[in-house]
Amino acid sequence: MKFLFLLLSFLNGADAIFTYIGLRYNLILEANPLMNNLWILSPSLFLFCKLFLSFLLIALAFFFTTKNRRNWYVILSIPLCFYFFILMSHISWVILFISA
């Protein structure tokens, strides 16, 4: 269970950094309306919120306990798949940017 929280934290942190760079250099658009509004308000606030979520996930990895491990594997697999897809999208635009 700890591994899933840590993996989710890593993927969220990577998404934060790649998205920040992509938005800063006008390479991508933020698809999440809430995060897009945060970006418009303050890029630093955007990055802080994303990284704060990663730190919360790390804390959960070490302090979260449950008897329903199977349910949590299913629950955590959904955002893990989502963030994996996002990370692959980021990697593809980085490759396109570098090769251009």
PDB file of N, CA and C in Angstrom:
ATOM      1  N   MET A   1       0.820  -1.184   0.000  1.00  0.00           N
ATOM      2  CA  MET A   1       0.000   0.000   0.000  1.00  0.00           C
ATOM      3  C   MET A   1       0.872   1.259   0.000  1.00  0.00           C
ATOM      4  N   LYS A   2       1.923   1.242   0.789  1.00  0.00           N
ATOM      5  CA  LYS A   2       2.823   2.389   0.881  1.00  0.00           C
ATOM      6  C   LYS A   2       3.398   2.727  -0.491  1.00  0.00           C
ATOM      7  N   PHE A   3       3.744   1.679  -1.244  1.00  0.00           N
ATOM      8  CA  PHE A   3       4.331   1.885  -2.573  1.00  0.00           C
ATOM      9  C   PHE A   3       3.374   2.643  -3.484  1.00  0.00           C
ATOM     10  N   LEU A   4       2.082   2.320  -3.420  1.00  0.00           N
ATOM     11  CA  LEU A   4       1.115   2.986  -4.295  1.00  0.00           C
ATOM     12  C   LEU A   4       0.997   4.472  -3.970  1.00  0.00           C
ATOM     13  N   PHE A   5       0.980   4.807  -2.679  1.00  0.00           N
ATOM     14  CA  PHE A   5       0.938   6.213  -2.293  1.00  0.00           C
ATOM     15  C   PHE A   5       2.209   6.937  -2.736  1.00  0.00           C
ATOM     16  N   LEU A   6       3.354   6.287  -2.573  1.00  0.00           N
ATOM     17  CA  LEU A   6       4.615   6.919  -2.979  1.00  0.00           C
ATOM     18  C   LEU A   6       4.699   7.083  -4.492  1.00  0.00           C
ATOM     19  N   LEU A   7       4.245   6.075  -5.217  1.00  0.00           N
ATOM     20  CA  LEU A   7       4.232   6.164  -6.682  1.00  0.00           C
ATOM     21  C   LEU A   7       3.298   7.281  -7.141  1.00  0.00           C
ATOM     22  N   LEU A   8       2.135   7.368  -6.526  1.00  0.00           N
ATOM     23  CA  LEU A   8       1.197   8.431  -6.866  1.00  0.00           C
ATOM     24  C   LEU A   8       1.794   9.798  -6.558  1.00  0.00           C
ATOM     25  N   SER A   9       2.504   9.900  -5.441  1.00  0.00           N
ATOM     26  CA  SER A   9       3.169  11.149  -5.082  1.00  0.00           C
ATOM     27  C   SER A   9       4.229  11.521  -6.116  1.00  0.00           C
ATOM     28  N   PHE A  10       5.027  10.547  -6.533  1.00  0.00           N
ATOM     29  CA  PHE A  10       6.059  10.799  -7.548  1.00  0.00           C
ATOM     30  C   PHE A  10       5.433  11.260  -8.862  1.00  0.00           C
ATOM     31  N   LEU A  11       4.395  10.559  -9.302  1.00  0.00           N
ATOM     32  CA  LEU A  11       3.753  10.919 -10.568  1.00  0.00           C
ATOM     33  C   LEU A  11       3.119  12.303 -10.489  1.00  0.00           C
ATOM     34  N   ASN A  12       2.504  12.629  -9.364  1.00  0.00           N
ATOM     35  CA  ASN A  12       1.921  13.955  -9.194  1.00  0.00           C
ATOM     36  C   ASN A  12       3.013  15.028  -9.199  1.00  0.00           C
ATOM     37  N   GLY A  13       4.119  14.766  -8.521  1.00  0.00           N
ATOM     38  CA  GLY A  13       5.229  15.719  -8.505  1.00  0.00           C
ATOM     39  C   GLY A  13       5.828  15.918  -9.885  1.00  0.00           C
ATOM     40  N   ALA A  14       5.995  14.820 -10.618  1.00  0.00           N
ATOM     41  CA  ALA A  14       6.513  14.922 -11.987  1.00  0.00           C
ATOM     42  C   ALA A  14       5.554  15.707 -12.862  1.00  0.00           C
ATOM     43  N   ASP A  15       4.261  15.461 -12.703  1.00  0.00           N
ATOM     44  CA  ASP A  15       3.252  16.216 -13.448  1.00  0.00           C
ATOM     45  C   ASP A  15       3.353  17.690 -13.115  1.00  0.00           C
ATOM     46  N   ALA A  16       3.538  18.016 -11.843  1.00  0.00           N
ATOM     47  CA  ALA A  16       3.648  19.419 -11.423  1.00  0.00           C
ATOM     48  C   ALA A  16       4.817  20.103 -12.120  1.00  0.00           C
ATOM     49  N   ILE A  17       5.959  19.459 -12.128  1.00  0.00           N
ATOM     50  CA  ILE A  17       7.162  20.062 -12.708  1.00  0.00           C
ATOM     51  C   ILE A  17       7.043  20.190 -14.220  1.00  0.00           C
ATOM     52  N   PHE A  18       6.621  19.108 -14.879  1.00  0.00           N
ATOM     53  CA  PHE A  18       6.472  19.166 -16.337  1.00  0.00           C
ATOM     54  C   PHE A  18       5.417  20.193 -16.743  1.00  0.00           C
ATOM     55  N   THR A  19       4.303  20.214 -16.025  1.00  0.00           N
ATOM     56  CA  THR A  19       3.244  21.165 -16.359  1.00  0.00           C
ATOM     57  C   THR A  19       3.712  22.597 -16.148  1.00  0.00           C
ATOM     58  N   TYR A  20       4.407  22.831 -15.064  1.00  0.00           N
ATOM     59  CA  TYR A  20       4.940  24.175 -14.795  1.00  0.00           C
ATOM     60  C   TYR A  20       5.846  24.632 -15.939  1.00  0.00           C
ATOM     61  N   ILE A  21       6.755  23.760 -16.356  1.00  0.00           N
ATOM     62  CA  ILE A  21       7.667  24.101 -17.458  1.00  0.00           C
ATOM     63  C   ILE A  21       6.891  24.318 -18.753  1.00  0.00           C
ATOM     64  N   GLY A  22       5.968  23.410 -19.041  1.00  0.00           N
ATOM     65  CA  GLY A  22       5.179  23.531 -20.271  1.00  0.00           C
ATOM     66  C   GLY A  22       4.339  24.787 -20.316  1.00  0.00           C
ATOM     67  N   LEU A  23       3.746  25.139 -19.190  1.00  0.00           N
ATOM     68  CA  LEU A  23       2.942  26.359 -19.144  1.00  0.00           C
ATOM     69  C   LEU A  23       3.818  27.604 -19.189  1.00  0.00           C
ATOM     70  N   ARG A  24       4.936  27.553 -18.509  1.00  0.00           N
ATOM     71  CA  ARG A  24       5.849  28.708 -18.455  1.00  0.00           C
ATOM     72  C   ARG A  24       6.348  29.078 -19.858  1.00  0.00           C
ATOM     73  N   TYR A  25       6.620  28.055 -20.678  1.00  0.00           N
ATOM     74  CA  TYR A  25       7.150  28.300 -22.026  1.00  0.00           C
ATOM     75  C   TYR A  25       6.072  28.193 -23.109  1.00  0.00           C
ATOM     76  N   ASN A  26       4.806  28.215 -22.698  1.00  0.00           N
ATOM     77  CA  ASN A  26       3.670  28.165 -23.630  1.00  0.00           C
ATOM     78  C   ASN A  26       3.722  26.968 -24.568  1.00  0.00           C
ATOM     79  N   LEU A  27       4.126  25.828 -24.048  1.00  0.00           N
ATOM     80  CA  LEU A  27       4.186  24.612 -24.846  1.00  0.00           C
ATOM     81  C   LEU A  27       2.908  23.793 -24.735  1.00  0.00           C
ATOM     82  N   ILE A  28       2.201  23.962 -23.619  1.00  0.00           N
ATOM     83  CA  ILE A  28       0.980  23.186 -23.365  1.00  0.00           C
ATOM     84  C   ILE A  28      -0.070  24.109 -22.762  1.00  0.00           C
ATOM     85  N   LEU A  29      -1.283  23.580 -22.654  1.00  0.00           N
ATOM     86  CA  LEU A  29      -2.372  24.251 -21.952  1.00  0.00           C
ATOM     87  C   LEU A  29      -2.773  23.362 -20.780  1.00  0.00           C
ATOM     88  N   GLU A  30      -3.163  23.959 -19.677  1.00  0.00           N
ATOM     89  CA  GLU A  30      -3.632  23.201 -18.526  1.00  0.00           C
ATOM     90  C   GLU A  30      -5.071  22.778 -18.781  1.00  0.00           C
ATOM     91  N   ALA A  31      -5.333  21.473 -18.739  1.00  0.00           N
ATOM     92  CA  ALA A  31      -6.666  20.950 -19.028  1.00  0.00           C
ATOM     93  C   ALA A  31      -7.588  21.004 -17.810  1.00  0.00           C
ATOM     94  N   ASN A  32      -7.027  20.992 -16.621  1.00  0.00           N
ATOM     95  CA  ASN A  32      -7.821  21.019 -15.393  1.00  0.00           C
ATOM     96  C   ASN A  32      -8.242  22.464 -15.115  1.00  0.00           C
ATOM     97  N   PRO A  33      -9.541  22.769 -15.147  1.00  0.00           N
ATOM     98  CA  PRO A  33      -9.980  24.159 -14.949  1.00  0.00           C
ATOM     99  C   PRO A  33      -9.552  24.749 -13.602  1.00  0.00           C
ATOM    100  N   LEU A  34      -9.587  23.960 -12.544  1.00  0.00           N
ATOM    101  CA  LEU A  34      -9.172  24.458 -11.231  1.00  0.00           C
ATOM    102  C   LEU A  34      -7.688  24.835 -11.233  1.00  0.00           C
ATOM    103  N   MET A  35      -6.863  23.950 -11.757  1.00  0.00           N
ATOM    104  CA  MET A  35      -5.427  24.230 -11.804  1.00  0.00           C
ATOM    105  C   MET A  35      -5.121  25.352 -12.792  1.00  0.00           C
ATOM    106  N   ASN A  36      -5.894  25.449 -13.852  1.00  0.00           N
ATOM    107  CA  ASN A  36      -5.700  26.546 -14.805  1.00  0.00           C
ATOM    108  C   ASN A  36      -5.973  27.884 -14.127  1.00  0.00           C
ATOM    109  N   ASN A  37      -7.037  27.948 -13.308  1.00  0.00           N
ATOM    110  CA  ASN A  37      -7.324  29.187 -12.577  1.00  0.00           C
ATOM    111  C   ASN A  37      -6.217  29.500 -11.576  1.00  0.00           C
ATOM    112  N   LEU A  38      -5.676  28.476 -10.922  1.00  0.00           N
ATOM    113  CA  LEU A  38      -4.545  28.700 -10.021  1.00  0.00           C
ATOM    114  C   LEU A  38      -3.343  29.246 -10.786  1.00  0.00           C
ATOM    115  N   TRP A  39      -3.096  28.693 -11.973  1.00  0.00           N
ATOM    116  CA  TRP A  39      -1.977  29.163 -12.793  1.00  0.00           C
ATOM    117  C   TRP A  39      -2.158  30.635 -13.165  1.00  0.00           C
ATOM    118  N   ILE A  40      -3.376  30.991 -13.566  1.00  0.00           N
ATOM    119  CA  ILE A  40      -3.659  32.385 -13.932  1.00  0.00           C
ATOM    120  C   ILE A  40      -3.467  33.297 -12.725  1.00  0.00           C
ATOM    121  N   LEU A  41      -3.899  32.829 -11.564  1.00  0.00           N
ATOM    122  CA  LEU A  41      -3.760  33.608 -10.337  1.00  0.00           C
ATOM    123  C   LEU A  41      -2.293  33.783  -9.956  1.00  0.00           C
ATOM    124  N   SER A  42      -1.549  32.657  -9.964  1.00  0.00           N
ATOM    125  CA  SER A  42      -0.130  32.724  -9.598  1.00  0.00           C
ATOM    126  C   SER A  42       0.550  31.404  -9.955  1.00  0.00           C
ATOM    127  N   PRO A  43       1.525  31.428 -10.852  1.00  0.00           N
ATOM    128  CA  PRO A  43       2.261  30.202 -11.166  1.00  0.00           C
ATOM    129  C   PRO A  43       2.928  29.586  -9.931  1.00  0.00           C
ATOM    130  N   SER A  44       3.376  30.413  -9.025  1.00  0.00           N
ATOM    131  CA  SER A  44       4.004  29.885  -7.801  1.00  0.00           C
ATOM    132  C   SER A  44       2.979  29.159  -6.935  1.00  0.00           C
ATOM    133  N   LEU A  45       1.774  29.710  -6.840  1.00  0.00           N
ATOM    134  CA  LEU A  45       0.712  29.067  -6.078  1.00  0.00           C
ATOM    135  C   LEU A  45       0.327  27.739  -6.722  1.00  0.00           C
ATOM    136  N   PHE A  46       0.270  27.729  -8.042  1.00  0.00           N
ATOM    137  CA  PHE A  46      -0.012  26.505  -8.788  1.00  0.00           C
ATOM    138  C   PHE A  46       0.991  25.420  -8.409  1.00  0.00           C
ATOM    139  N   LEU A  47       2.271  25.752  -8.488  1.00  0.00           N
ATOM    140  CA  LEU A  47       3.319  24.778  -8.182  1.00  0.00           C
ATOM    141  C   LEU A  47       3.271  24.368  -6.714  1.00  0.00           C
ATOM    142  N   PHE A  48       3.049  25.313  -5.828  1.00  0.00           N
ATOM    143  CA  PHE A  48       2.970  24.997  -4.404  1.00  0.00           C
ATOM    144  C   PHE A  48       1.843  24.004  -4.126  1.00  0.00           C
ATOM    145  N   CYS A  49       0.662  24.242  -4.685  1.00  0.00           N
ATOM    146  CA  CYS A  49      -0.483  23.348  -4.443  1.00  0.00           C
ATOM    147  C   CYS A  49      -0.208  21.942  -4.966  1.00  0.00           C
ATOM    148  N   LYS A  50       0.353  21.851  -6.151  1.00  0.00           N
ATOM    149  CA  LYS A  50       0.656  20.528  -6.716  1.00  0.00           C
ATOM    150  C   LYS A  50       1.684  19.794  -5.864  1.00  0.00           C
ATOM    151  N   LEU A  51       2.734  20.477  -5.464  1.00  0.00           N
ATOM    152  CA  LEU A  51       3.778  19.822  -4.669  1.00  0.00           C
ATOM    153  C   LEU A  51       3.299  19.537  -3.246  1.00  0.00           C
ATOM    154  N   PHE A  52       2.425  20.378  -2.708  1.00  0.00           N
ATOM    155  CA  PHE A  52       1.857  20.122  -1.395  1.00  0.00           C
ATOM    156  C   PHE A  52       1.050  18.833  -1.406  1.00  0.00           C
ATOM    157  N   LEU A  53       0.309  18.594  -2.487  1.00  0.00           N
ATOM    158  CA  LEU A  53      -0.438  17.344  -2.626  1.00  0.00           C
ATOM    159  C   LEU A  53       0.516  16.150  -2.633  1.00  0.00           C
ATOM    160  N   SER A  54       1.644  16.281  -3.289  1.00  0.00           N
ATOM    161  CA  SER A  54       2.632  15.196  -3.296  1.00  0.00           C
ATOM    162  C   SER A  54       3.139  14.911  -1.885  1.00  0.00           C
ATOM    163  N   PHE A  55       3.398  15.960  -1.113  1.00  0.00           N
ATOM    164  CA  PHE A  55       3.862  15.759   0.260  1.00  0.00           C
ATOM    165  C   PHE A  55       2.777  15.135   1.129  1.00  0.00           C
ATOM    166  N   LEU A  56       1.511  15.494   0.881  1.00  0.00           N
ATOM    167  CA  LEU A  56       0.414  14.854   1.611  1.00  0.00           C
ATOM    168  C   LEU A  56       0.341  13.360   1.295  1.00  0.00           C
ATOM    169  N   LEU A  57       0.555  13.022   0.049  1.00  0.00           N
ATOM    170  CA  LEU A  57       0.543  11.608  -0.337  1.00  0.00           C
ATOM    171  C   LEU A  57       1.696  10.843   0.311  1.00  0.00           C
ATOM    172  N   ILE A  58       2.850  11.483   0.445  1.00  0.00           N
ATOM    173  CA  ILE A  58       3.978  10.853   1.140  1.00  0.00           C
ATOM    174  C   ILE A  58       3.617  10.624   2.601  1.00  0.00           C
ATOM    175  N   ALA A  59       2.992  11.605   3.226  1.00  0.00           N
ATOM    176  CA  ALA A  59       2.571  11.445   4.619  1.00  0.00           C
ATOM    177  C   ALA A  59       1.566  10.296   4.746  1.00  0.00           C
ATOM    178  N   LEU A  60       0.636  10.224   3.816  1.00  0.00           N
ATOM    179  CA  LEU A  60      -0.325   9.120   3.839  1.00  0.00           C
ATOM    180  C   LEU A  60       0.370   7.768   3.695  1.00  0.00           C
ATOM    181  N   ALA A  61       1.409   7.722   2.905  1.00  0.00           N
ATOM    182  CA  ALA A  61       2.136   6.466   2.708  1.00  0.00           C
ATOM    183  C   ALA A  61       2.661   5.922   4.026  1.00  0.00           C
ATOM    184  N   PHE A  62       3.057   6.790   4.913  1.00  0.00           N
ATOM    185  CA  PHE A  62       3.663   6.335   6.157  1.00  0.00           C
ATOM    186  C   PHE A  62       2.688   6.257   7.330  1.00  0.00           C
ATOM    187  N   PHE A  63       1.567   6.959   7.255  1.00  0.00           N
ATOM    188  CA  PHE A  63       0.659   6.997   8.393  1.00  0.00           C
ATOM    189  C   PHE A  63      -0.701   6.361   8.141  1.00  0.00           C
ATOM    190  N   PHE A  64      -0.991   6.002   6.902  1.00  0.00           N
ATOM    191  CA  PHE A  64      -2.293   5.450   6.557  1.00  0.00           C
ATOM    192  C   PHE A  64      -2.346   3.965   6.897  1.00  0.00           C
ATOM    193  N   THR A  65      -3.377   3.566   7.596  1.00  0.00           N
ATOM    194  CA  THR A  65      -3.606   2.146   7.876  1.00  0.00           C
ATOM    195  C   THR A  65      -5.065   1.823   7.575  1.00  0.00           C
ATOM    196  N   THR A  66      -5.298   0.634   7.094  1.00  0.00           N
ATOM    197  CA  THR A  66      -6.655   0.196   6.790  1.00  0.00           C
ATOM    198  C   THR A  66      -6.720  -1.326   6.780  1.00  0.00           C
ATOM    199  N   LYS A  67      -7.902  -1.825   7.019  1.00  0.00           N
ATOM    200  CA  LYS A  67      -8.132  -3.269   6.910  1.00  0.00           C
ATOM    201  C   LYS A  67      -8.617  -3.627   5.509  1.00  0.00           C
ATOM    202  N   ASN A  68      -9.084  -2.630   4.774  1.00  0.00           N
ATOM    203  CA  ASN A  68      -9.638  -2.846   3.431  1.00  0.00           C
ATOM    204  C   ASN A  68      -8.599  -2.559   2.360  1.00  0.00           C
ATOM    205  N   ARG A  69      -7.513  -3.287   2.402  1.00  0.00           N
ATOM    206  CA  ARG A  69      -6.423  -3.042   1.448  1.00  0.00           C
ATOM    207  C   ARG A  69      -6.866  -3.230   0.004  1.00  0.00           C
ATOM    208  N   ARG A  70      -7.674  -4.233  -0.244  1.00  0.00           N
ATOM    209  CA  ARG A  70      -8.108  -4.515  -1.613  1.00  0.00           C
ATOM    210  C   ARG A  70      -8.883  -3.334  -2.197  1.00  0.00           C
ATOM    211  N   ASN A  71      -9.767  -2.745  -1.404  1.00  0.00           N
ATOM    212  CA  ASN A  71     -10.524  -1.576  -1.874  1.00  0.00           C
ATOM    213  C   ASN A  71      -9.597  -0.415  -2.197  1.00  0.00           C
ATOM    214  N   TRP A  72      -8.594  -0.198  -1.368  1.00  0.00           N
ATOM    215  CA  TRP A  72      -7.673   0.909  -1.597  1.00  0.00           C
ATOM    216  C   TRP A  72      -6.783   0.675  -2.807  1.00  0.00           C
ATOM    217  N   TYR A  73      -6.473  -0.574  -3.104  1.00  0.00           N
ATOM    218  CA  TYR A  73      -5.715  -0.853  -4.331  1.00  0.00           C
ATOM    219  C   TYR A  73      -6.528  -0.427  -5.550  1.00  0.00           C
ATOM    220  N   VAL A  74      -7.814  -0.725  -5.525  1.00  0.00           N
ATOM    221  CA  VAL A  74      -8.691  -0.339  -6.637  1.00  0.00           C
ATOM    222  C   VAL A  74      -8.819   1.177  -6.696  1.00  0.00           C
ATOM    223  N   ILE A  75      -9.049   1.808  -5.543  1.00  0.00           N
ATOM    224  CA  ILE A  75      -9.215   3.265  -5.494  1.00  0.00           C
ATOM    225  C   ILE A  75      -7.960   3.979  -5.988  1.00  0.00           C
ATOM    226  N   LEU A  76      -6.791   3.522  -5.556  1.00  0.00           N
ATOM    227  CA  LEU A  76      -5.539   4.179  -5.945  1.00  0.00           C
ATOM    228  C   LEU A  76      -5.124   3.871  -7.378  1.00  0.00           C
ATOM    229  N   SER A  77      -5.605   2.757  -7.927  1.00  0.00           N
ATOM    230  CA  SER A  77      -5.218   2.414  -9.299  1.00  0.00           C
ATOM    231  C   SER A  77      -5.796   3.396 -10.312  1.00  0.00           C
ATOM    232  N   ILE A  78      -6.920   4.008  -9.995  1.00  0.00           N
ATOM    233  CA  ILE A  78      -7.545   4.951 -10.928  1.00  0.00           C
ATOM    234  C   ILE A  78      -6.669   6.193 -11.134  1.00  0.00           C
ATOM    235  N   PRO A  79      -6.289   6.917 -10.064  1.00  0.00           N
ATOM    236  CA  PRO A  79      -5.405   8.079 -10.311  1.00  0.00           C
ATOM    237  C   PRO A  79      -4.018   7.669 -10.796  1.00  0.00           C
ATOM    238  N   LEU A  80      -3.547   6.466 -10.424  1.00  0.00           N
ATOM    239  CA  LEU A  80      -2.241   6.016 -10.921  1.00  0.00           C
ATOM    240  C   LEU A  80      -2.271   5.866 -12.436  1.00  0.00           C
ATOM    241  N   CYS A  81      -3.310   5.258 -12.962  1.00  0.00           N
ATOM    242  CA  CYS A  81      -3.433   5.124 -14.422  1.00  0.00           C
ATOM    243  C   CYS A  81      -3.554   6.487 -15.079  1.00  0.00           C
ATOM    244  N   PHE A  82      -4.325   7.367 -14.477  1.00  0.00           N
ATOM    245  CA  PHE A  82      -4.508   8.717 -15.002  1.00  0.00           C
ATOM    246  C   PHE A  82      -3.180   9.461 -15.051  1.00  0.00           C
ATOM    247  N   TYR A  83      -2.433   9.452 -13.949  1.00  0.00           N
ATOM    248  CA  TYR A  83      -1.155  10.175 -13.907  1.00  0.00           C
ATOM    249  C   TYR A  83      -0.107   9.517 -14.799  1.00  0.00           C
ATOM    250  N   PHE A  84      -0.158   8.213 -14.968  1.00  0.00           N
ATOM    251  CA  PHE A  84       0.768   7.551 -15.885  1.00  0.00           C
ATOM    252  C   PHE A  84       0.531   8.049 -17.309  1.00  0.00           C
ATOM    253  N   PHE A  85      -0.739   8.143 -17.696  1.00  0.00           N
ATOM    254  CA  PHE A  85      -1.082   8.655 -19.022  1.00  0.00           C
ATOM    255  C   PHE A  85      -0.607  10.098 -19.180  1.00  0.00           C
ATOM    256  N   ILE A  86      -0.810  10.913 -18.156  1.00  0.00           N
ATOM    257  CA  ILE A  86      -0.369  12.309 -18.198  1.00  0.00           C
ATOM    258  C   ILE A  86       1.150  12.392 -18.333  1.00  0.00           C
ATOM    259  N   LEU A  87       1.856  11.555 -17.569  1.00  0.00           N
ATOM    260  CA  LEU A  87       3.318  11.570 -17.644  1.00  0.00           C
ATOM    261  C   LEU A  87       3.795  11.167 -19.037  1.00  0.00           C
ATOM    262  N   MET A  88       3.147  10.199 -19.649  1.00  0.00           N
ATOM    263  CA  MET A  88       3.518   9.812 -21.017  1.00  0.00           C
ATOM    264  C   MET A  88       3.252  10.971 -21.986  1.00  0.00           C
ATOM    265  N   SER A  89       2.183  11.716 -21.773  1.00  0.00           N
ATOM    266  CA  SER A  89       1.898  12.892 -22.615  1.00  0.00           C
ATOM    267  C   SER A  89       2.986  13.940 -22.453  1.00  0.00           C
ATOM    268  N   HIS A  90       3.397  14.164 -21.211  1.00  0.00           N
ATOM    269  CA  HIS A  90       4.465  15.139 -20.962  1.00  0.00           C
ATOM    270  C   HIS A  90       5.775  14.707 -21.627  1.00  0.00           C
ATOM    271  N   ILE A  91       6.092  13.455 -21.505  1.00  0.00           N
ATOM    272  CA  ILE A  91       7.330  12.950 -22.114  1.00  0.00           C
ATOM    273  C   ILE A  91       7.278  13.122 -23.625  1.00  0.00           C
ATOM    274  N   SER A  92       6.101  12.889 -24.223  1.00  0.00           N
ATOM    275  CA  SER A  92       5.998  13.028 -25.683  1.00  0.00           C
ATOM    276  C   SER A  92       6.194  14.478 -26.123  1.00  0.00           C
ATOM    277  N   TRP A  93       5.633  15.457 -25.395  1.00  0.00           N
ATOM    278  CA  TRP A  93       5.837  16.846 -25.826  1.00  0.00           C
ATOM    279  C   TRP A  93       7.253  17.325 -25.516  1.00  0.00           C
ATOM    280  N   VAL A  94       7.888  16.765 -24.505  1.00  0.00           N
ATOM    281  CA  VAL A  94       9.296  17.112 -24.250  1.00  0.00           C
ATOM    282  C   VAL A  94      10.153  16.621 -25.406  1.00  0.00           C
ATOM    283  N   ILE A  95       9.902  15.400 -25.856  1.00  0.00           N
ATOM    284  CA  ILE A  95      10.652  14.842 -26.991  1.00  0.00           C
ATOM    285  C   ILE A  95      10.419  15.686 -28.236  1.00  0.00           C
ATOM    286  N   LEU A  96       9.171  16.057 -28.477  1.00  0.00           N
ATOM    287  CA  LEU A  96       8.870  16.901 -29.638  1.00  0.00           C
ATOM    288  C   LEU A  96       9.540  18.262 -29.534  1.00  0.00           C
ATOM    289  N   PHE A  97       9.566  18.843 -28.350  1.00  0.00           N
ATOM    290  CA  PHE A  97      10.184  20.145 -28.138  1.00  0.00           C
ATOM    291  C   PHE A  97      11.691  20.068 -28.350  1.00  0.00           C
ATOM    292  N   ILE A  98      12.315  19.028 -27.813  1.00  0.00           N
ATOM    293  CA  ILE A  98      13.777  18.875 -27.945  1.00  0.00           C
ATOM    294  C   ILE A  98      14.181  18.607 -29.381  1.00  0.00           C
ATOM    295  N   SER A  99      13.373  17.815 -30.093  1.00  0.00           N
ATOM    296  CA  SER A  99      13.739  17.458 -31.469  1.00  0.00           C
ATOM    297  C   SER A  99      13.430  18.574 -32.464  1.00  0.00           C
ATOM    298  N   ALA A 100      12.655  19.570 -32.072  1.00  0.00           N
ATOM    299  CA  ALA A 100      12.291  20.652 -33.003  1.00  0.00           C
ATOM    300  C   ALA A 100      13.394  21.664 -33.178  1.00  0.00           C
TER     301      ALA A 100
END
